[in-house]
Amino acid sequence: SAYILKSKANKEGEKYGRTSFANGIGGACGYFLVGAVLYFAGFGALFILNALFWCVALLYSLSLSEVQVSRQSVKDYWGDFANKRMALVFVALFLFGMHWGAEATSYALFLKNNLGLDTLWSGIYMGGAVVALALTALTIGKMADKKGFSIGKWLFIGMLLSGVFHILMVFPDAPVSFAMRVPHEIGDAIVDVMVWLGISRIMPLKRAAGGYGAVISIMLIGNFCGLILYGWLGSALGYGFPLVASGAITLISLLIAYYNRKTIFGK
């Protein structure tokens, strides 16, 4: 995150859109490949392939140019975060991050047990939906550079799509479920780019990377809580229930952000 935030670009929105696009398209290819490798060759081949990809990524990273960084004190970050505005942002993003826990514990099991998909078709389902995420991130990033673009408005749209269609994707028919999953991924893409943009505009550049790290840490704590909660709920009530519950909690996080929009966005 430090490298991306501190890399200079004439169009900030497009920069973050491209970043999210790269993450998304890499994830989509990973789903396609992992599903196929597991189906045809098993876990041993998958682990070897994964190690090779990491080696390639490591070698490529050596060619990246350096960016300027500086040491910042915890006191400075406390001054940035110790206010009602950021507290509300953290609460909303914590709740939003909980849906990652539902996906980690129940998504693949829902596809297998509720929709009857094997690993090959699960990879196609997941990867196909994430392609939509990647393309949306690229598009919304370019839109963000236009005059009059509202981060708050698009953040609300993203959270709404993510929450509603996380609930609707539990429809017990694979094509219909996939059709509902795609708008969920579109919503996630919008939220991701808006978080990048929001941090870059709220935080001073010299502390932007640390600020992004703090935001992601809050969302990962939400993810951790989601793993514990939704893992138990999935085993007790079925693998569709955590997806519905986490979608509803995402909508609650949207309501919190919308109700306090004047405090968060200043309008």
C-alpha atoms as a PDB file:
ATOM      1  CA  SER A   1       0.000   0.000   0.000  1.00  0.00           C
ATOM      2  CA  ALA A   2       2.867   2.395   0.743  1.00  0.00           C
ATOM      3  CA  TYR A   3       4.271   1.929  -2.740  1.00  0.00           C
ATOM      4  CA  ILE A   4       0.926   2.593  -4.432  1.00  0.00           C
ATOM      5  CA  LEU A   5      -0.049   5.576  -2.281  1.00  0.00           C
ATOM      6  CA  LYS A   6       3.318   7.288  -2.618  1.00  0.00           C
ATOM      7  CA  SER A   7       3.777   6.618  -6.344  1.00  0.00           C
ATOM      8  CA  LYS A   8       3.148   9.809  -8.298  1.00  0.00           C
ATOM      9  CA  ALA A   9       0.317   9.860 -10.843  1.00  0.00           C
ATOM     10  CA  ASN A  10      -1.506  12.609 -12.709  1.00  0.00           C
ATOM     11  CA  LYS A  11      -4.814  10.795 -12.263  1.00  0.00           C
ATOM     12  CA  GLU A  12      -5.218   9.455  -8.735  1.00  0.00           C
ATOM     13  CA  GLY A  13      -8.541   7.734  -9.349  1.00  0.00           C
ATOM     14  CA  GLU A  14      -7.227   5.856 -12.347  1.00  0.00           C
ATOM     15  CA  LYS A  15      -4.146   4.819 -10.355  1.00  0.00           C
ATOM     16  CA  TYR A  16      -6.230   3.236  -7.620  1.00  0.00           C
ATOM     17  CA  GLY A  17      -8.640   1.764 -10.148  1.00  0.00           C
ATOM     18  CA  ARG A  18      -5.739   0.094 -11.939  1.00  0.00           C
ATOM     19  CA  THR A  19      -4.431  -1.198  -8.612  1.00  0.00           C
ATOM     20  CA  SER A  20      -7.767  -2.769  -7.734  1.00  0.00           C
ATOM     21  CA  PHE A  21      -8.103  -4.047 -11.312  1.00  0.00           C
ATOM     22  CA  ALA A  22      -4.726  -5.784 -11.094  1.00  0.00           C
ATOM     23  CA  ASN A  23      -5.652  -7.385  -7.763  1.00  0.00           C
ATOM     24  CA  GLY A  24      -9.014  -8.448  -9.142  1.00  0.00           C
ATOM     25  CA  ILE A  25      -7.856  -9.871 -12.448  1.00  0.00           C
ATOM     26  CA  GLY A  26      -5.053 -11.699 -10.647  1.00  0.00           C
ATOM     27  CA  GLY A  27      -7.608 -13.123  -8.237  1.00  0.00           C
ATOM     28  CA  ALA A  28      -9.907 -14.164 -11.088  1.00  0.00           C
ATOM     29  CA  CYS A  29      -7.084 -15.960 -12.894  1.00  0.00           C
ATOM     30  CA  GLY A  30      -6.194 -17.586  -9.592  1.00  0.00           C
ATOM     31  CA  TYR A  31      -9.727 -18.899  -9.131  1.00  0.00           C
ATOM     32  CA  PHE A  32      -9.819 -20.287 -12.671  1.00  0.00           C
ATOM     33  CA  LEU A  33      -6.401 -21.898 -12.328  1.00  0.00           C
ATOM     34  CA  VAL A  34      -6.835 -23.223  -8.796  1.00  0.00           C
ATOM     35  CA  GLY A  35     -10.199 -24.760  -9.638  1.00  0.00           C
ATOM     36  CA  ALA A  36      -8.736 -26.538 -12.657  1.00  0.00           C
ATOM     37  CA  VAL A  37      -5.532 -27.672 -10.910  1.00  0.00           C
ATOM     38  CA  LEU A  38      -7.446 -29.055  -7.922  1.00  0.00           C
ATOM     39  CA  TYR A  39      -9.881 -30.839 -10.222  1.00  0.00           C
ATOM     40  CA  PHE A  40      -7.243 -32.435 -12.447  1.00  0.00           C
ATOM     41  CA  ALA A  41      -4.081 -32.678 -10.297  1.00  0.00           C
ATOM     42  CA  GLY A  42      -4.819 -32.154  -6.581  1.00  0.00           C
ATOM     43  CA  PHE A  43      -3.334 -30.081  -3.772  1.00  0.00           C
ATOM     44  CA  GLY A  44       0.295 -31.135  -4.231  1.00  0.00           C
ATOM     45  CA  ALA A  45       0.460 -29.660  -7.724  1.00  0.00           C
ATOM     46  CA  LEU A  46      -1.345 -26.549  -6.497  1.00  0.00           C
ATOM     47  CA  PHE A  47       1.222 -25.864  -3.766  1.00  0.00           C
ATOM     48  CA  ILE A  48       4.124 -26.266  -6.217  1.00  0.00           C
ATOM     49  CA  LEU A  49       2.470 -23.935  -8.720  1.00  0.00           C
ATOM     50  CA  ASN A  50       1.765 -21.370  -6.014  1.00  0.00           C
ATOM     51  CA  ALA A  51       5.419 -21.400  -4.932  1.00  0.00           C
ATOM     52  CA  LEU A  52       6.528 -20.796  -8.530  1.00  0.00           C
ATOM     53  CA  PHE A  53       4.209 -17.807  -8.853  1.00  0.00           C
ATOM     54  CA  TRP A  54       5.601 -16.328  -5.632  1.00  0.00           C
ATOM     55  CA  CYS A  55       9.133 -16.674  -6.991  1.00  0.00           C
ATOM     56  CA  VAL A  56       8.154 -14.841 -10.179  1.00  0.00           C
ATOM     57  CA  ALA A  57       6.482 -12.063  -8.148  1.00  0.00           C
ATOM     58  CA  LEU A  58       9.585 -11.734  -5.956  1.00  0.00           C
ATOM     59  CA  LEU A  59      11.903 -11.414  -8.955  1.00  0.00           C
ATOM     60  CA  TYR A  60       9.626  -8.850 -10.590  1.00  0.00           C
ATOM     61  CA  SER A  61       9.462  -6.764  -7.408  1.00  0.00           C
ATOM     62  CA  LEU A  62      13.228  -6.235  -7.602  1.00  0.00           C
ATOM     63  CA  SER A  63      12.725  -4.122 -10.730  1.00  0.00           C
ATOM     64  CA  LEU A  64      10.374  -1.631  -9.060  1.00  0.00           C
ATOM     65  CA  SER A  65      11.657   1.878  -8.448  1.00  0.00           C
ATOM     66  CA  GLU A  66      12.023   3.244  -4.921  1.00  0.00           C
ATOM     67  CA  VAL A  67       9.543   5.661  -3.347  1.00  0.00           C
ATOM     68  CA  GLN A  68      10.322   8.187  -0.644  1.00  0.00           C
ATOM     69  CA  VAL A  69       9.199   7.255   2.864  1.00  0.00           C
ATOM     70  CA  SER A  70       9.707   8.871   6.257  1.00  0.00           C
ATOM     71  CA  ARG A  71       9.359   7.889   9.899  1.00  0.00           C
ATOM     72  CA  GLN A  72       6.135   9.069  11.536  1.00  0.00           C
ATOM     73  CA  SER A  73       5.238   9.037  15.218  1.00  0.00           C
ATOM     74  CA  VAL A  74       2.268   7.226  16.711  1.00  0.00           C
ATOM     75  CA  LYS A  75       1.226  10.565  18.214  1.00  0.00           C
ATOM     76  CA  ASP A  76       0.729  12.016  14.738  1.00  0.00           C
ATOM     77  CA  TYR A  77      -1.485   9.103  13.710  1.00  0.00           C
ATOM     78  CA  TRP A  78      -3.487   9.469  16.910  1.00  0.00           C
ATOM     79  CA  GLY A  79      -4.131  13.072  15.971  1.00  0.00           C
ATOM     80  CA  ASP A  80      -5.420  11.930  12.576  1.00  0.00           C
ATOM     81  CA  PHE A  81      -7.713   9.227  13.941  1.00  0.00           C
ATOM     82  CA  ALA A  82      -8.910  10.461  17.355  1.00  0.00           C
ATOM     83  CA  ASN A  83     -12.100  12.131  16.190  1.00  0.00           C
ATOM     84  CA  LYS A  84     -15.738  11.233  15.666  1.00  0.00           C
ATOM     85  CA  ARG A  85     -15.404  11.216  11.897  1.00  0.00           C
ATOM     86  CA  MET A  86     -12.756   8.495  11.814  1.00  0.00           C
ATOM     87  CA  ALA A  87     -14.452   6.525  14.603  1.00  0.00           C
ATOM     88  CA  LEU A  88     -17.583   6.286  12.447  1.00  0.00           C
ATOM     89  CA  VAL A  89     -15.528   5.309   9.406  1.00  0.00           C
ATOM     90  CA  PHE A  90     -13.822   2.566  11.410  1.00  0.00           C
ATOM     91  CA  VAL A  91     -17.129   1.186  12.724  1.00  0.00           C
ATOM     92  CA  ALA A  92     -18.652   1.072   9.234  1.00  0.00           C
ATOM     93  CA  LEU A  93     -15.584  -0.575   7.689  1.00  0.00           C
ATOM     94  CA  PHE A  94     -15.274  -3.064  10.574  1.00  0.00           C
ATOM     95  CA  LEU A  95     -18.825  -4.242   9.915  1.00  0.00           C
ATOM     96  CA  PHE A  96     -18.205  -4.302   6.170  1.00  0.00           C
ATOM     97  CA  GLY A  97     -15.030  -6.345   6.685  1.00  0.00           C
ATOM     98  CA  MET A  98     -17.003  -9.020   8.522  1.00  0.00           C
ATOM     99  CA  HIS A  99     -18.426 -10.274   5.237  1.00  0.00           C
ATOM    100  CA  TRP A 100     -14.931 -11.416   4.257  1.00  0.00           C
ATOM    101  CA  GLY A 101     -15.146 -13.878   7.141  1.00  0.00           C
ATOM    102  CA  ALA A 102     -18.414 -15.251   5.782  1.00  0.00           C
ATOM    103  CA  GLU A 103     -16.811 -15.712   2.375  1.00  0.00           C
ATOM    104  CA  ALA A 104     -13.734 -17.426   3.809  1.00  0.00           C
ATOM    105  CA  THR A 105     -15.750 -19.927   5.850  1.00  0.00           C
ATOM    106  CA  SER A 106     -18.897 -20.492   3.804  1.00  0.00           C
ATOM    107  CA  TYR A 107     -18.591 -19.326   0.179  1.00  0.00           C
ATOM    108  CA  ALA A 108     -16.835 -22.379  -1.291  1.00  0.00           C
ATOM    109  CA  LEU A 109     -18.830 -24.751   0.916  1.00  0.00           C
ATOM    110  CA  PHE A 110     -22.067 -23.109  -0.237  1.00  0.00           C
ATOM    111  CA  LEU A 111     -21.082 -23.668  -3.861  1.00  0.00           C
ATOM    112  CA  LYS A 112     -20.205 -27.298  -3.158  1.00  0.00           C
ATOM    113  CA  ASN A 113     -22.999 -28.339  -0.802  1.00  0.00           C
ATOM    114  CA  ASN A 114     -25.890 -26.067  -1.805  1.00  0.00           C
ATOM    115  CA  LEU A 115     -25.273 -25.613  -5.527  1.00  0.00           C
ATOM    116  CA  GLY A 116     -23.527 -28.929  -6.187  1.00  0.00           C
ATOM    117  CA  LEU A 117     -20.479 -27.429  -7.929  1.00  0.00           C
ATOM    118  CA  ASP A 118     -17.169 -29.297  -8.078  1.00  0.00           C
ATOM    119  CA  THR A 119     -13.820 -27.506  -7.765  1.00  0.00           C
ATOM    120  CA  LEU A 120     -13.596 -26.826 -11.512  1.00  0.00           C
ATOM    121  CA  TRP A 121     -17.003 -25.153 -11.701  1.00  0.00           C
ATOM    122  CA  SER A 122     -16.499 -23.409  -8.359  1.00  0.00           C
ATOM    123  CA  GLY A 123     -13.366 -21.812  -9.811  1.00  0.00           C
ATOM    124  CA  ILE A 124     -15.302 -20.729 -12.897  1.00  0.00           C
ATOM    125  CA  TYR A 125     -18.119 -19.303 -10.759  1.00  0.00           C
ATOM    126  CA  MET A 126     -15.790 -17.387  -8.424  1.00  0.00           C
ATOM    127  CA  GLY A 127     -13.381 -16.250 -11.119  1.00  0.00           C
ATOM    128  CA  GLY A 128     -16.112 -15.114 -13.483  1.00  0.00           C
ATOM    129  CA  ALA A 129     -17.668 -12.933 -10.798  1.00  0.00           C
ATOM    130  CA  VAL A 130     -14.305 -11.411  -9.874  1.00  0.00           C
ATOM    131  CA  VAL A 131     -13.697 -10.451 -13.513  1.00  0.00           C
ATOM    132  CA  ALA A 132     -16.663  -8.101 -13.048  1.00  0.00           C
ATOM    133  CA  LEU A 133     -14.959  -6.711  -9.929  1.00  0.00           C
ATOM    134  CA  ALA A 134     -11.762  -6.007 -11.851  1.00  0.00           C
ATOM    135  CA  LEU A 135     -13.501  -4.288 -14.767  1.00  0.00           C
ATOM    136  CA  THR A 136     -15.638  -2.212 -12.408  1.00  0.00           C
ATOM    137  CA  ALA A 137     -12.587  -1.050 -10.458  1.00  0.00           C
ATOM    138  CA  LEU A 138     -10.911   0.118 -13.662  1.00  0.00           C
ATOM    139  CA  THR A 139     -14.048   1.967 -14.762  1.00  0.00           C
ATOM    140  CA  ILE A 140     -14.863   3.615 -11.427  1.00  0.00           C
ATOM    141  CA  GLY A 141     -11.238   4.681 -11.035  1.00  0.00           C
ATOM    142  CA  LYS A 142     -11.385   6.609 -14.302  1.00  0.00           C
ATOM    143  CA  MET A 143     -14.744   8.117 -13.337  1.00  0.00           C
ATOM    144  CA  ALA A 144     -13.297   9.308 -10.020  1.00  0.00           C
ATOM    145  CA  ASP A 145     -10.969  11.733 -11.795  1.00  0.00           C
ATOM    146  CA  LYS A 146     -13.871  13.644 -13.332  1.00  0.00           C
ATOM    147  CA  LYS A 147     -15.095  16.895 -11.815  1.00  0.00           C
ATOM    148  CA  GLY A 148     -17.985  16.553  -9.376  1.00  0.00           C
ATOM    149  CA  PHE A 149     -17.322  12.904  -8.524  1.00  0.00           C
ATOM    150  CA  SER A 150     -18.654  12.096  -5.032  1.00  0.00           C
ATOM    151  CA  ILE A 151     -16.737   9.533  -2.975  1.00  0.00           C
ATOM    152  CA  GLY A 152     -19.563   9.380  -0.415  1.00  0.00           C
ATOM    153  CA  LYS A 153     -22.270   8.738  -3.004  1.00  0.00           C
ATOM    154  CA  TRP A 154     -20.337   5.956  -4.687  1.00  0.00           C
ATOM    155  CA  LEU A 155     -19.291   4.426  -1.386  1.00  0.00           C
ATOM    156  CA  PHE A 156     -22.972   4.138  -0.453  1.00  0.00           C
ATOM    157  CA  ILE A 157     -23.783   2.599  -3.854  1.00  0.00           C
ATOM    158  CA  GLY A 158     -20.970   0.080  -3.452  1.00  0.00           C
ATOM    159  CA  MET A 159     -22.027  -0.951   0.046  1.00  0.00           C
ATOM    160  CA  LEU A 160     -25.657  -1.250  -1.058  1.00  0.00           C
ATOM    161  CA  LEU A 161     -24.781  -3.530  -3.980  1.00  0.00           C
ATOM    162  CA  SER A 162     -22.420  -5.585  -1.846  1.00  0.00           C
ATOM    163  CA  GLY A 163     -24.944  -6.141   0.945  1.00  0.00           C
ATOM    164  CA  VAL A 164     -28.104  -6.746  -1.082  1.00  0.00           C
ATOM    165  CA  PHE A 165     -26.564  -9.158  -3.557  1.00  0.00           C
ATOM    166  CA  HIS A 166     -24.619 -11.057  -0.907  1.00  0.00           C
ATOM    167  CA  ILE A 167     -28.049 -11.946   0.432  1.00  0.00           C
ATOM    168  CA  LEU A 168     -29.593 -12.733  -2.952  1.00  0.00           C
ATOM    169  CA  MET A 169     -26.735 -14.970  -4.119  1.00  0.00           C
ATOM    170  CA  VAL A 170     -27.973 -17.790  -1.864  1.00  0.00           C
ATOM    171  CA  PHE A 171     -30.721 -18.574  -4.395  1.00  0.00           C
ATOM    172  CA  PRO A 172     -30.476 -22.381  -4.817  1.00  0.00           C
ATOM    173  CA  ASP A 173     -29.797 -22.374  -8.559  1.00  0.00           C
ATOM    174  CA  ALA A 174     -26.256 -21.927  -9.879  1.00  0.00           C
ATOM    175  CA  PRO A 175     -26.942 -19.588 -12.852  1.00  0.00           C
ATOM    176  CA  VAL A 176     -29.263 -17.358 -10.803  1.00  0.00           C
ATOM    177  CA  SER A 177     -26.858 -17.367  -7.860  1.00  0.00           C
ATOM    178  CA  PHE A 178     -24.001 -16.364 -10.173  1.00  0.00           C
ATOM    179  CA  ALA A 179     -26.109 -13.559 -11.636  1.00  0.00           C
ATOM    180  CA  MET A 180     -26.584 -12.244  -8.085  1.00  0.00           C
ATOM    181  CA  ARG A 181     -22.921 -12.697  -7.178  1.00  0.00           C
ATOM    182  CA  VAL A 182     -21.722 -10.429  -9.986  1.00  0.00           C
ATOM    183  CA  PRO A 183     -23.372  -7.239  -8.594  1.00  0.00           C
ATOM    184  CA  HIS A 184     -21.953  -8.099  -5.167  1.00  0.00           C
ATOM    185  CA  GLU A 185     -18.445  -8.116  -6.629  1.00  0.00           C
ATOM    186  CA  ILE A 186     -19.196  -4.859  -8.448  1.00  0.00           C
ATOM    187  CA  GLY A 187     -20.130  -3.318  -5.101  1.00  0.00           C
ATOM    188  CA  ASP A 188     -16.939  -4.611  -3.492  1.00  0.00           C
ATOM    189  CA  ALA A 189     -14.891  -3.076  -6.310  1.00  0.00           C
ATOM    190  CA  ILE A 190     -16.497   0.320  -5.783  1.00  0.00           C
ATOM    191  CA  VAL A 191     -15.876   0.191  -2.028  1.00  0.00           C
ATOM    192  CA  ASP A 192     -12.250  -0.817  -2.549  1.00  0.00           C
ATOM    193  CA  VAL A 193     -11.476   2.095  -4.871  1.00  0.00           C
ATOM    194  CA  MET A 194     -13.359   4.545  -2.629  1.00  0.00           C
ATOM    195  CA  VAL A 195     -11.298   3.434   0.391  1.00  0.00           C
ATOM    196  CA  TRP A 196      -8.078   4.069  -1.542  1.00  0.00           C
ATOM    197  CA  LEU A 197      -9.315   7.478  -2.666  1.00  0.00           C
ATOM    198  CA  GLY A 198     -10.717   8.416   0.722  1.00  0.00           C
ATOM    199  CA  ILE A 199      -7.482   7.678   2.559  1.00  0.00           C
ATOM    200  CA  SER A 200      -5.410   9.543  -0.029  1.00  0.00           C
ATOM    201  CA  ARG A 201      -7.565  12.647   0.465  1.00  0.00           C
ATOM    202  CA  ILE A 202      -8.105  12.504   4.230  1.00  0.00           C
ATOM    203  CA  MET A 203      -4.562  11.671   5.321  1.00  0.00           C
ATOM    204  CA  PRO A 204      -1.427  13.761   4.738  1.00  0.00           C
ATOM    205  CA  LEU A 205       0.676  12.084   2.027  1.00  0.00           C
ATOM    206  CA  LYS A 206       3.512  11.337   4.447  1.00  0.00           C
ATOM    207  CA  ARG A 207       1.123   9.306   6.633  1.00  0.00           C
ATOM    208  CA  ALA A 208      -1.195   7.968   3.914  1.00  0.00           C
ATOM    209  CA  ALA A 209       0.370   4.498   3.872  1.00  0.00           C
ATOM    210  CA  GLY A 210       0.088   4.169   7.647  1.00  0.00           C
ATOM    211  CA  GLY A 211      -3.478   5.451   7.468  1.00  0.00           C
ATOM    212  CA  TYR A 212      -4.379   2.868   4.854  1.00  0.00           C
ATOM    213  CA  GLY A 213      -2.710   0.216   6.990  1.00  0.00           C
ATOM    214  CA  ALA A 214      -4.858   1.248   9.959  1.00  0.00           C
ATOM    215  CA  VAL A 215      -8.047   1.085   7.883  1.00  0.00           C
ATOM    216  CA  ILE A 216      -7.171  -2.334   6.484  1.00  0.00           C
ATOM    217  CA  SER A 217      -6.293  -3.522  10.000  1.00  0.00           C
ATOM    218  CA  ILE A 218      -9.766  -2.532  11.195  1.00  0.00           C
ATOM    219  CA  MET A 219     -11.332  -4.391   8.265  1.00  0.00           C
ATOM    220  CA  LEU A 220      -9.155  -7.448   8.939  1.00  0.00           C
ATOM    221  CA  ILE A 221     -10.235  -7.439  12.588  1.00  0.00           C
ATOM    222  CA  GLY A 222     -13.784  -7.454  11.234  1.00  0.00           C
ATOM    223  CA  ASN A 223     -12.759 -10.342   9.003  1.00  0.00           C
ATOM    224  CA  PHE A 224     -11.358 -12.212  12.023  1.00  0.00           C
ATOM    225  CA  CYS A 225     -14.579 -11.712  13.982  1.00  0.00           C
ATOM    226  CA  GLY A 226     -16.524 -12.824  10.923  1.00  0.00           C
ATOM    227  CA  LEU A 227     -14.447 -16.000  10.648  1.00  0.00           C
ATOM    228  CA  ILE A 228     -15.316 -16.970  14.213  1.00  0.00           C
ATOM    229  CA  LEU A 229     -18.986 -16.005  14.017  1.00  0.00           C
ATOM    230  CA  TYR A 230     -19.815 -17.239  10.525  1.00  0.00           C
ATOM    231  CA  GLY A 231     -17.787 -20.424  10.818  1.00  0.00           C
ATOM    232  CA  TRP A 232     -19.987 -21.418  13.730  1.00  0.00           C
ATOM    233  CA  LEU A 233     -23.201 -20.232  12.073  1.00  0.00           C
ATOM    234  CA  GLY A 234     -22.371 -22.076   8.863  1.00  0.00           C
ATOM    235  CA  SER A 235     -21.878 -25.383  10.654  1.00  0.00           C
ATOM    236  CA  ALA A 236     -24.997 -24.862  12.766  1.00  0.00           C
ATOM    237  CA  LEU A 237     -27.471 -23.336  10.297  1.00  0.00           C
ATOM    238  CA  GLY A 238     -26.132 -24.126   6.839  1.00  0.00           C
ATOM    239  CA  TYR A 239     -23.666 -22.397   4.557  1.00  0.00           C
ATOM    240  CA  GLY A 240     -26.140 -19.992   3.030  1.00  0.00           C
ATOM    241  CA  PHE A 241     -26.993 -18.387   6.367  1.00  0.00           C
ATOM    242  CA  PRO A 242     -23.617 -16.649   6.931  1.00  0.00           C
ATOM    243  CA  LEU A 243     -23.836 -15.084   3.475  1.00  0.00           C
ATOM    244  CA  VAL A 244     -27.294 -13.701   4.248  1.00  0.00           C
ATOM    245  CA  ALA A 245     -26.320 -12.532   7.740  1.00  0.00           C
ATOM    246  CA  SER A 246     -23.126 -10.827   6.570  1.00  0.00           C
ATOM    247  CA  GLY A 247     -25.008  -9.128   3.752  1.00  0.00           C
ATOM    248  CA  ALA A 248     -27.468  -7.767   6.310  1.00  0.00           C
ATOM    249  CA  ILE A 249     -24.617  -6.512   8.508  1.00  0.00           C
ATOM    250  CA  THR A 250     -23.083  -4.777   5.484  1.00  0.00           C
ATOM    251  CA  LEU A 251     -26.392  -2.960   5.027  1.00  0.00           C
ATOM    252  CA  ILE A 252     -26.280  -1.962   8.701  1.00  0.00           C
ATOM    253  CA  SER A 253     -22.815  -0.496   8.119  1.00  0.00           C
ATOM    254  CA  LEU A 254     -24.278   1.426   5.177  1.00  0.00           C
ATOM    255  CA  LEU A 255     -27.051   2.832   7.376  1.00  0.00           C
ATOM    256  CA  ILE A 256     -24.510   3.938   9.991  1.00  0.00           C
ATOM    257  CA  ALA A 257     -22.422   5.703   7.356  1.00  0.00           C
ATOM    258  CA  TYR A 258     -25.438   7.281   5.660  1.00  0.00           C
ATOM    259  CA  TYR A 259     -27.010   8.497   8.904  1.00  0.00           C
ATOM    260  CA  ASN A 260     -23.709  10.153   9.841  1.00  0.00           C
ATOM    261  CA  ARG A 261     -22.834  11.319   6.315  1.00  0.00           C
ATOM    262  CA  LYS A 262     -22.531  14.980   7.334  1.00  0.00           C
ATOM    263  CA  THR A 263     -19.970  14.105   9.990  1.00  0.00           C
ATOM    264  CA  ILE A 264     -18.041  11.745   7.710  1.00  0.00           C
ATOM    265  CA  PHE A 265     -18.179  13.613   4.412  1.00  0.00           C
ATOM    266  CA  GLY A 266     -18.999  17.128   5.556  1.00  0.00           C
ATOM    267  CA  LYS A 267     -22.208  17.345   3.531  1.00  0.00           C
END
